[in-house]
N, C-alpha and C. Protein backbone atom coordinates (compact mmCIF):
# COMPACT_ATOMS: atom_id res chain seq x y z
N VAL A 1 -69.96 -42.05 5.27
CA VAL A 1 -70.01 -43.39 5.81
C VAL A 1 -70.89 -43.38 7.06
N ARG A 2 -71.81 -44.33 7.11
CA ARG A 2 -72.68 -44.42 8.29
C ARG A 2 -72.10 -45.39 9.31
N MET A 3 -72.37 -45.12 10.57
CA MET A 3 -71.87 -45.97 11.64
C MET A 3 -72.52 -47.35 11.56
N ARG A 4 -71.68 -48.40 11.62
CA ARG A 4 -72.19 -49.77 11.65
C ARG A 4 -72.19 -50.26 13.08
N ILE A 5 -73.33 -50.71 13.52
CA ILE A 5 -73.50 -51.17 14.89
C ILE A 5 -73.78 -52.67 14.86
N TYR A 6 -72.87 -53.45 15.42
CA TYR A 6 -72.99 -54.90 15.45
C TYR A 6 -73.74 -55.34 16.70
N LEU A 7 -74.76 -56.16 16.54
CA LEU A 7 -75.51 -56.69 17.67
C LEU A 7 -74.94 -58.05 18.06
N SER A 8 -74.67 -58.24 19.33
CA SER A 8 -74.11 -59.49 19.81
C SER A 8 -74.98 -60.01 20.95
N GLY A 9 -75.37 -61.28 20.83
CA GLY A 9 -76.20 -61.86 21.87
C GLY A 9 -76.41 -63.34 21.62
N PRO A 10 -77.11 -63.99 22.55
CA PRO A 10 -77.32 -65.43 22.44
C PRO A 10 -78.27 -65.80 21.31
N ILE A 11 -77.88 -66.81 20.54
CA ILE A 11 -78.72 -67.34 19.46
C ILE A 11 -78.94 -68.85 19.66
N THR A 12 -77.83 -69.59 19.80
CA THR A 12 -77.92 -71.05 19.95
C THR A 12 -78.72 -71.40 21.20
N ASN A 13 -79.69 -72.28 21.03
CA ASN A 13 -80.57 -72.76 22.12
C ASN A 13 -81.42 -71.64 22.73
N GLU A 14 -81.58 -70.53 22.04
CA GLU A 14 -82.45 -69.44 22.51
C GLU A 14 -83.75 -69.50 21.72
N LYS A 15 -84.83 -69.79 22.40
CA LYS A 15 -86.12 -69.96 21.72
C LYS A 15 -86.57 -68.69 21.02
N ASN A 16 -86.41 -67.55 21.66
CA ASN A 16 -86.92 -66.28 21.12
C ASN A 16 -85.82 -65.39 20.54
N TYR A 17 -84.75 -65.97 20.05
CA TYR A 17 -83.62 -65.14 19.60
C TYR A 17 -84.02 -64.19 18.49
N ARG A 18 -84.87 -64.63 17.56
CA ARG A 18 -85.26 -63.75 16.46
C ARG A 18 -85.98 -62.51 17.00
N LEU A 19 -86.92 -62.72 17.88
CA LEU A 19 -87.66 -61.61 18.47
C LEU A 19 -86.72 -60.70 19.27
N ASN A 20 -85.80 -61.28 20.03
CA ASN A 20 -84.85 -60.49 20.81
C ASN A 20 -83.99 -59.60 19.91
N PHE A 21 -83.51 -60.16 18.80
CA PHE A 21 -82.67 -59.39 17.88
C PHE A 21 -83.49 -58.34 17.13
N LEU A 22 -84.72 -58.68 16.73
CA LEU A 22 -85.57 -57.70 16.04
C LEU A 22 -85.86 -56.51 16.95
N ARG A 23 -86.15 -56.78 18.21
CA ARG A 23 -86.39 -55.69 19.17
C ARG A 23 -85.13 -54.83 19.33
N ALA A 24 -83.98 -55.49 19.40
CA ALA A 24 -82.72 -54.75 19.54
C ALA A 24 -82.46 -53.89 18.29
N GLU A 25 -82.71 -54.45 17.11
CA GLU A 25 -82.55 -53.68 15.87
C GLU A 25 -83.41 -52.43 15.91
N ASN A 26 -84.68 -52.60 16.29
CA ASN A 26 -85.59 -51.45 16.35
C ASN A 26 -85.15 -50.43 17.38
N THR A 27 -84.67 -50.89 18.51
CA THR A 27 -84.20 -49.98 19.56
C THR A 27 -83.01 -49.17 19.07
N VAL A 28 -82.04 -49.85 18.45
CA VAL A 28 -80.85 -49.15 17.96
C VAL A 28 -81.23 -48.15 16.87
N ARG A 29 -82.06 -48.58 15.93
CA ARG A 29 -82.45 -47.67 14.84
C ARG A 29 -83.18 -46.45 15.35
N SER A 30 -84.00 -46.61 16.38
CA SER A 30 -84.76 -45.46 16.89
C SER A 30 -83.88 -44.52 17.72
N HIS A 31 -82.80 -45.03 18.30
CA HIS A 31 -81.93 -44.20 19.13
C HIS A 31 -80.73 -43.63 18.38
N VAL A 32 -80.28 -44.33 17.35
CA VAL A 32 -79.10 -43.88 16.60
C VAL A 32 -79.51 -43.78 15.13
N LYS A 33 -80.11 -42.66 14.82
CA LYS A 33 -80.65 -42.44 13.47
C LYS A 33 -79.56 -42.55 12.42
N GLY A 34 -79.89 -43.20 11.31
CA GLY A 34 -78.97 -43.29 10.19
C GLY A 34 -77.89 -44.35 10.33
N SER A 35 -77.92 -45.10 11.42
CA SER A 35 -76.91 -46.13 11.60
C SER A 35 -77.29 -47.38 10.79
N VAL A 36 -76.29 -48.19 10.52
CA VAL A 36 -76.51 -49.48 9.87
C VAL A 36 -76.42 -50.54 10.98
N VAL A 37 -77.46 -51.32 11.14
CA VAL A 37 -77.47 -52.35 12.17
C VAL A 37 -77.07 -53.68 11.54
N VAL A 38 -76.01 -54.26 12.08
CA VAL A 38 -75.49 -55.54 11.59
C VAL A 38 -75.94 -56.61 12.58
N SER A 39 -76.83 -57.50 12.10
CA SER A 39 -77.44 -58.48 12.99
C SER A 39 -77.12 -59.91 12.56
N PRO A 40 -76.38 -60.65 13.41
CA PRO A 40 -76.06 -62.04 13.07
C PRO A 40 -77.30 -62.93 13.02
N MET A 41 -78.40 -62.47 13.57
CA MET A 41 -79.64 -63.23 13.53
C MET A 41 -80.05 -63.53 12.10
N ARG A 42 -79.66 -62.70 11.17
CA ARG A 42 -80.07 -62.85 9.77
C ARG A 42 -79.18 -63.82 8.98
N LEU A 43 -78.11 -64.31 9.58
CA LEU A 43 -77.20 -65.20 8.86
C LEU A 43 -77.86 -66.52 8.46
N GLY A 44 -78.82 -66.98 9.25
CA GLY A 44 -79.53 -68.21 8.91
C GLY A 44 -80.31 -68.08 7.62
N ASP A 45 -80.73 -66.86 7.30
CA ASP A 45 -81.45 -66.61 6.04
C ASP A 45 -80.48 -66.63 4.86
N ILE A 46 -79.25 -66.21 5.12
CA ILE A 46 -78.24 -66.13 4.07
C ILE A 46 -77.57 -67.49 3.84
N LEU A 47 -77.32 -68.21 4.93
CA LEU A 47 -76.63 -69.49 4.87
C LEU A 47 -77.44 -70.53 5.65
N PRO A 48 -78.54 -71.02 5.05
CA PRO A 48 -79.37 -72.00 5.76
C PRO A 48 -78.56 -73.25 6.12
N ASN A 49 -78.81 -73.78 7.29
CA ASN A 49 -78.17 -75.01 7.77
C ASN A 49 -76.65 -74.89 7.89
N GLY A 50 -76.15 -73.68 8.09
CA GLY A 50 -74.72 -73.52 8.33
C GLY A 50 -74.36 -74.07 9.70
N SER A 51 -73.10 -74.40 9.87
CA SER A 51 -72.64 -74.88 11.17
C SER A 51 -72.35 -73.69 12.08
N HIS A 52 -72.27 -73.96 13.37
CA HIS A 52 -71.94 -72.89 14.32
C HIS A 52 -70.59 -72.28 13.96
N LYS A 53 -69.64 -73.13 13.59
CA LYS A 53 -68.31 -72.65 13.20
C LYS A 53 -68.40 -71.72 11.99
N GLU A 54 -69.19 -72.09 11.00
CA GLU A 54 -69.34 -71.24 9.81
C GLU A 54 -69.99 -69.90 10.17
N TYR A 55 -71.02 -69.94 11.00
CA TYR A 55 -71.67 -68.69 11.41
C TYR A 55 -70.70 -67.79 12.17
N MET A 56 -69.89 -68.40 13.04
CA MET A 56 -68.94 -67.59 13.81
C MET A 56 -67.88 -66.98 12.90
N GLU A 57 -67.43 -67.68 11.88
CA GLU A 57 -66.48 -67.09 10.94
C GLU A 57 -67.08 -65.86 10.27
N LEU A 58 -68.34 -65.96 9.88
CA LEU A 58 -69.03 -64.81 9.28
C LEU A 58 -69.16 -63.68 10.31
N CYS A 59 -69.51 -64.04 11.54
CA CYS A 59 -69.67 -63.03 12.59
C CYS A 59 -68.37 -62.27 12.84
N TYR A 60 -67.25 -62.98 12.90
CA TYR A 60 -65.96 -62.31 13.12
C TYR A 60 -65.69 -61.29 12.02
N SER A 61 -65.99 -61.67 10.78
CA SER A 61 -65.80 -60.73 9.67
C SER A 61 -66.70 -59.52 9.83
N LEU A 62 -67.95 -59.75 10.20
CA LEU A 62 -68.89 -58.64 10.37
C LEU A 62 -68.48 -57.73 11.52
N VAL A 63 -67.99 -58.32 12.61
CA VAL A 63 -67.51 -57.50 13.73
C VAL A 63 -66.37 -56.61 13.24
N SER A 64 -65.45 -57.17 12.47
CA SER A 64 -64.29 -56.39 12.02
C SER A 64 -64.67 -55.26 11.08
N MET A 65 -65.87 -55.32 10.50
CA MET A 65 -66.34 -54.26 9.59
C MET A 65 -67.24 -53.25 10.31
N SER A 66 -67.43 -53.44 11.60
CA SER A 66 -68.34 -52.58 12.36
C SER A 66 -67.57 -51.54 13.18
N ASN A 67 -68.29 -50.51 13.64
CA ASN A 67 -67.69 -49.43 14.43
C ASN A 67 -67.97 -49.54 15.92
N VAL A 68 -69.10 -50.16 16.25
CA VAL A 68 -69.58 -50.22 17.63
C VAL A 68 -70.24 -51.57 17.83
N MET A 69 -70.17 -52.11 19.05
CA MET A 69 -70.87 -53.35 19.37
C MET A 69 -71.90 -53.06 20.46
N VAL A 70 -73.08 -53.64 20.29
CA VAL A 70 -74.13 -53.55 21.30
C VAL A 70 -74.44 -54.97 21.77
N MET A 71 -74.34 -55.17 23.08
CA MET A 71 -74.56 -56.47 23.69
C MET A 71 -76.02 -56.60 24.12
N LEU A 72 -76.68 -57.66 23.66
CA LEU A 72 -78.05 -57.95 24.05
C LEU A 72 -78.07 -58.60 25.42
N PRO A 73 -79.18 -58.47 26.14
CA PRO A 73 -79.28 -59.14 27.45
C PRO A 73 -79.02 -60.64 27.31
N GLY A 74 -78.28 -61.18 28.25
CA GLY A 74 -77.97 -62.60 28.27
C GLY A 74 -76.73 -62.97 27.48
N TRP A 75 -76.01 -61.96 26.96
CA TRP A 75 -74.83 -62.26 26.14
C TRP A 75 -73.78 -63.06 26.90
N GLU A 76 -73.75 -62.88 28.23
CA GLU A 76 -72.72 -63.53 29.04
C GLU A 76 -72.79 -65.05 28.94
N LYS A 77 -73.99 -65.59 28.72
CA LYS A 77 -74.15 -67.05 28.68
C LYS A 77 -73.90 -67.62 27.28
N SER A 78 -73.58 -66.76 26.32
CA SER A 78 -73.35 -67.19 24.95
C SER A 78 -71.85 -67.23 24.65
N ARG A 79 -71.35 -68.42 24.34
CA ARG A 79 -69.93 -68.57 24.01
C ARG A 79 -69.57 -67.70 22.80
N GLY A 80 -70.43 -67.70 21.77
CA GLY A 80 -70.17 -66.91 20.57
C GLY A 80 -70.14 -65.41 20.86
N ALA A 81 -71.10 -64.93 21.65
CA ALA A 81 -71.15 -63.50 21.99
C ALA A 81 -69.92 -63.10 22.80
N ARG A 82 -69.48 -63.97 23.70
CA ARG A 82 -68.27 -63.66 24.47
C ARG A 82 -67.05 -63.56 23.56
N LYS A 83 -66.97 -64.45 22.56
CA LYS A 83 -65.85 -64.39 21.61
C LYS A 83 -65.93 -63.13 20.75
N GLU A 84 -67.13 -62.76 20.32
CA GLU A 84 -67.30 -61.53 19.54
C GLU A 84 -66.86 -60.32 20.36
N ARG A 85 -67.24 -60.31 21.64
CA ARG A 85 -66.87 -59.20 22.52
C ARG A 85 -65.35 -59.12 22.70
N THR A 86 -64.71 -60.27 22.84
CA THR A 86 -63.25 -60.30 22.97
C THR A 86 -62.60 -59.71 21.73
N LEU A 87 -63.10 -60.07 20.55
CA LEU A 87 -62.57 -59.51 19.31
C LEU A 87 -62.76 -58.00 19.28
N ALA A 88 -63.94 -57.53 19.67
CA ALA A 88 -64.20 -56.09 19.69
C ALA A 88 -63.26 -55.38 20.66
N LEU A 89 -63.01 -55.98 21.81
CA LEU A 89 -62.08 -55.39 22.79
C LEU A 89 -60.68 -55.31 22.19
N GLU A 90 -60.25 -56.36 21.50
CA GLU A 90 -58.93 -56.36 20.88
C GLU A 90 -58.83 -55.26 19.82
N MET A 91 -59.95 -54.96 19.16
CA MET A 91 -59.99 -53.92 18.13
C MET A 91 -60.17 -52.53 18.75
N LYS A 92 -60.33 -52.49 20.08
CA LYS A 92 -60.59 -51.23 20.80
C LYS A 92 -61.90 -50.57 20.32
N MET A 93 -62.86 -51.42 19.99
CA MET A 93 -64.17 -50.97 19.54
C MET A 93 -65.03 -50.61 20.77
N PRO A 94 -65.75 -49.50 20.71
CA PRO A 94 -66.67 -49.18 21.80
C PRO A 94 -67.75 -50.27 21.92
N ILE A 95 -68.03 -50.69 23.15
CA ILE A 95 -69.03 -51.73 23.42
C ILE A 95 -70.04 -51.19 24.41
N PHE A 96 -71.31 -51.40 24.10
CA PHE A 96 -72.40 -50.93 24.95
C PHE A 96 -73.38 -52.04 25.24
N GLU A 97 -74.02 -51.96 26.38
CA GLU A 97 -75.16 -52.83 26.67
C GLU A 97 -76.37 -52.20 25.98
N LEU A 98 -77.30 -53.03 25.54
CA LEU A 98 -78.50 -52.52 24.88
C LEU A 98 -79.24 -51.53 25.78
N ASP A 99 -79.23 -51.79 27.09
CA ASP A 99 -79.92 -50.90 28.04
C ASP A 99 -79.27 -49.52 28.12
N ASP A 100 -78.04 -49.39 27.64
CA ASP A 100 -77.30 -48.12 27.70
C ASP A 100 -77.16 -47.52 26.30
N ILE A 101 -78.14 -47.75 25.46
CA ILE A 101 -78.09 -47.37 24.05
C ILE A 101 -77.90 -45.86 23.85
N ASP A 102 -78.39 -45.06 24.76
CA ASP A 102 -78.26 -43.60 24.61
C ASP A 102 -76.80 -43.15 24.60
N SER A 103 -75.92 -43.93 25.21
CA SER A 103 -74.50 -43.57 25.23
C SER A 103 -73.88 -43.60 23.84
N ILE A 104 -74.48 -44.36 22.93
CA ILE A 104 -73.92 -44.46 21.57
C ILE A 104 -74.00 -43.12 20.85
N LYS A 105 -74.99 -42.33 21.19
CA LYS A 105 -75.14 -41.02 20.52
C LYS A 105 -73.88 -40.19 20.66
N SER A 106 -73.25 -40.22 21.83
CA SER A 106 -72.04 -39.42 22.03
C SER A 106 -70.89 -39.99 21.19
N ILE A 107 -70.83 -41.30 21.06
CA ILE A 107 -69.81 -41.94 20.21
C ILE A 107 -70.04 -41.52 18.76
N ASN A 108 -71.28 -41.52 18.34
CA ASN A 108 -71.63 -41.16 16.97
C ASN A 108 -71.13 -39.75 16.66
N ARG A 109 -71.31 -38.82 17.58
CA ARG A 109 -70.85 -37.44 17.37
C ARG A 109 -69.33 -37.37 17.37
N ARG A 110 -68.68 -38.09 18.31
CA ARG A 110 -67.22 -38.08 18.40
C ARG A 110 -66.56 -38.67 17.17
N MET A 111 -67.18 -39.72 16.61
CA MET A 111 -66.59 -40.37 15.44
C MET A 111 -66.81 -39.57 14.17
N LYS A 112 -67.72 -38.61 14.25
CA LYS A 112 -68.06 -37.80 13.07
C LYS A 112 -68.48 -38.70 11.91
N VAL A 113 -69.21 -39.77 12.26
CA VAL A 113 -69.75 -40.66 11.23
C VAL A 113 -71.08 -40.08 10.80
N VAL A 114 -71.26 -39.93 9.53
CA VAL A 114 -72.49 -39.31 9.01
C VAL A 114 -73.38 -40.38 8.43
């Protein structure tokens, strides 16, 4: 089983959210080899014109299937990202800031996720 890393950050009213999430995906993949990056940015492709409520329901499910959460810059101003983080905290999931991505490597070794 490979480690699933959920990306959490602002999307609603963020002009460059796609670029921000793509950069984060690339950063995580380059630092945590073999991980699966779970990006809510792609939900619009799966469920076009979904409501915020519908997207958040999907996000909660994806968070619950992940092992680690990585917070993108500006997550604090996002109501959805704050709710995702709260869920991760309740699950006792390790949470990292994108700027501290190197710390995930130690979690990867401790979890013995291959």
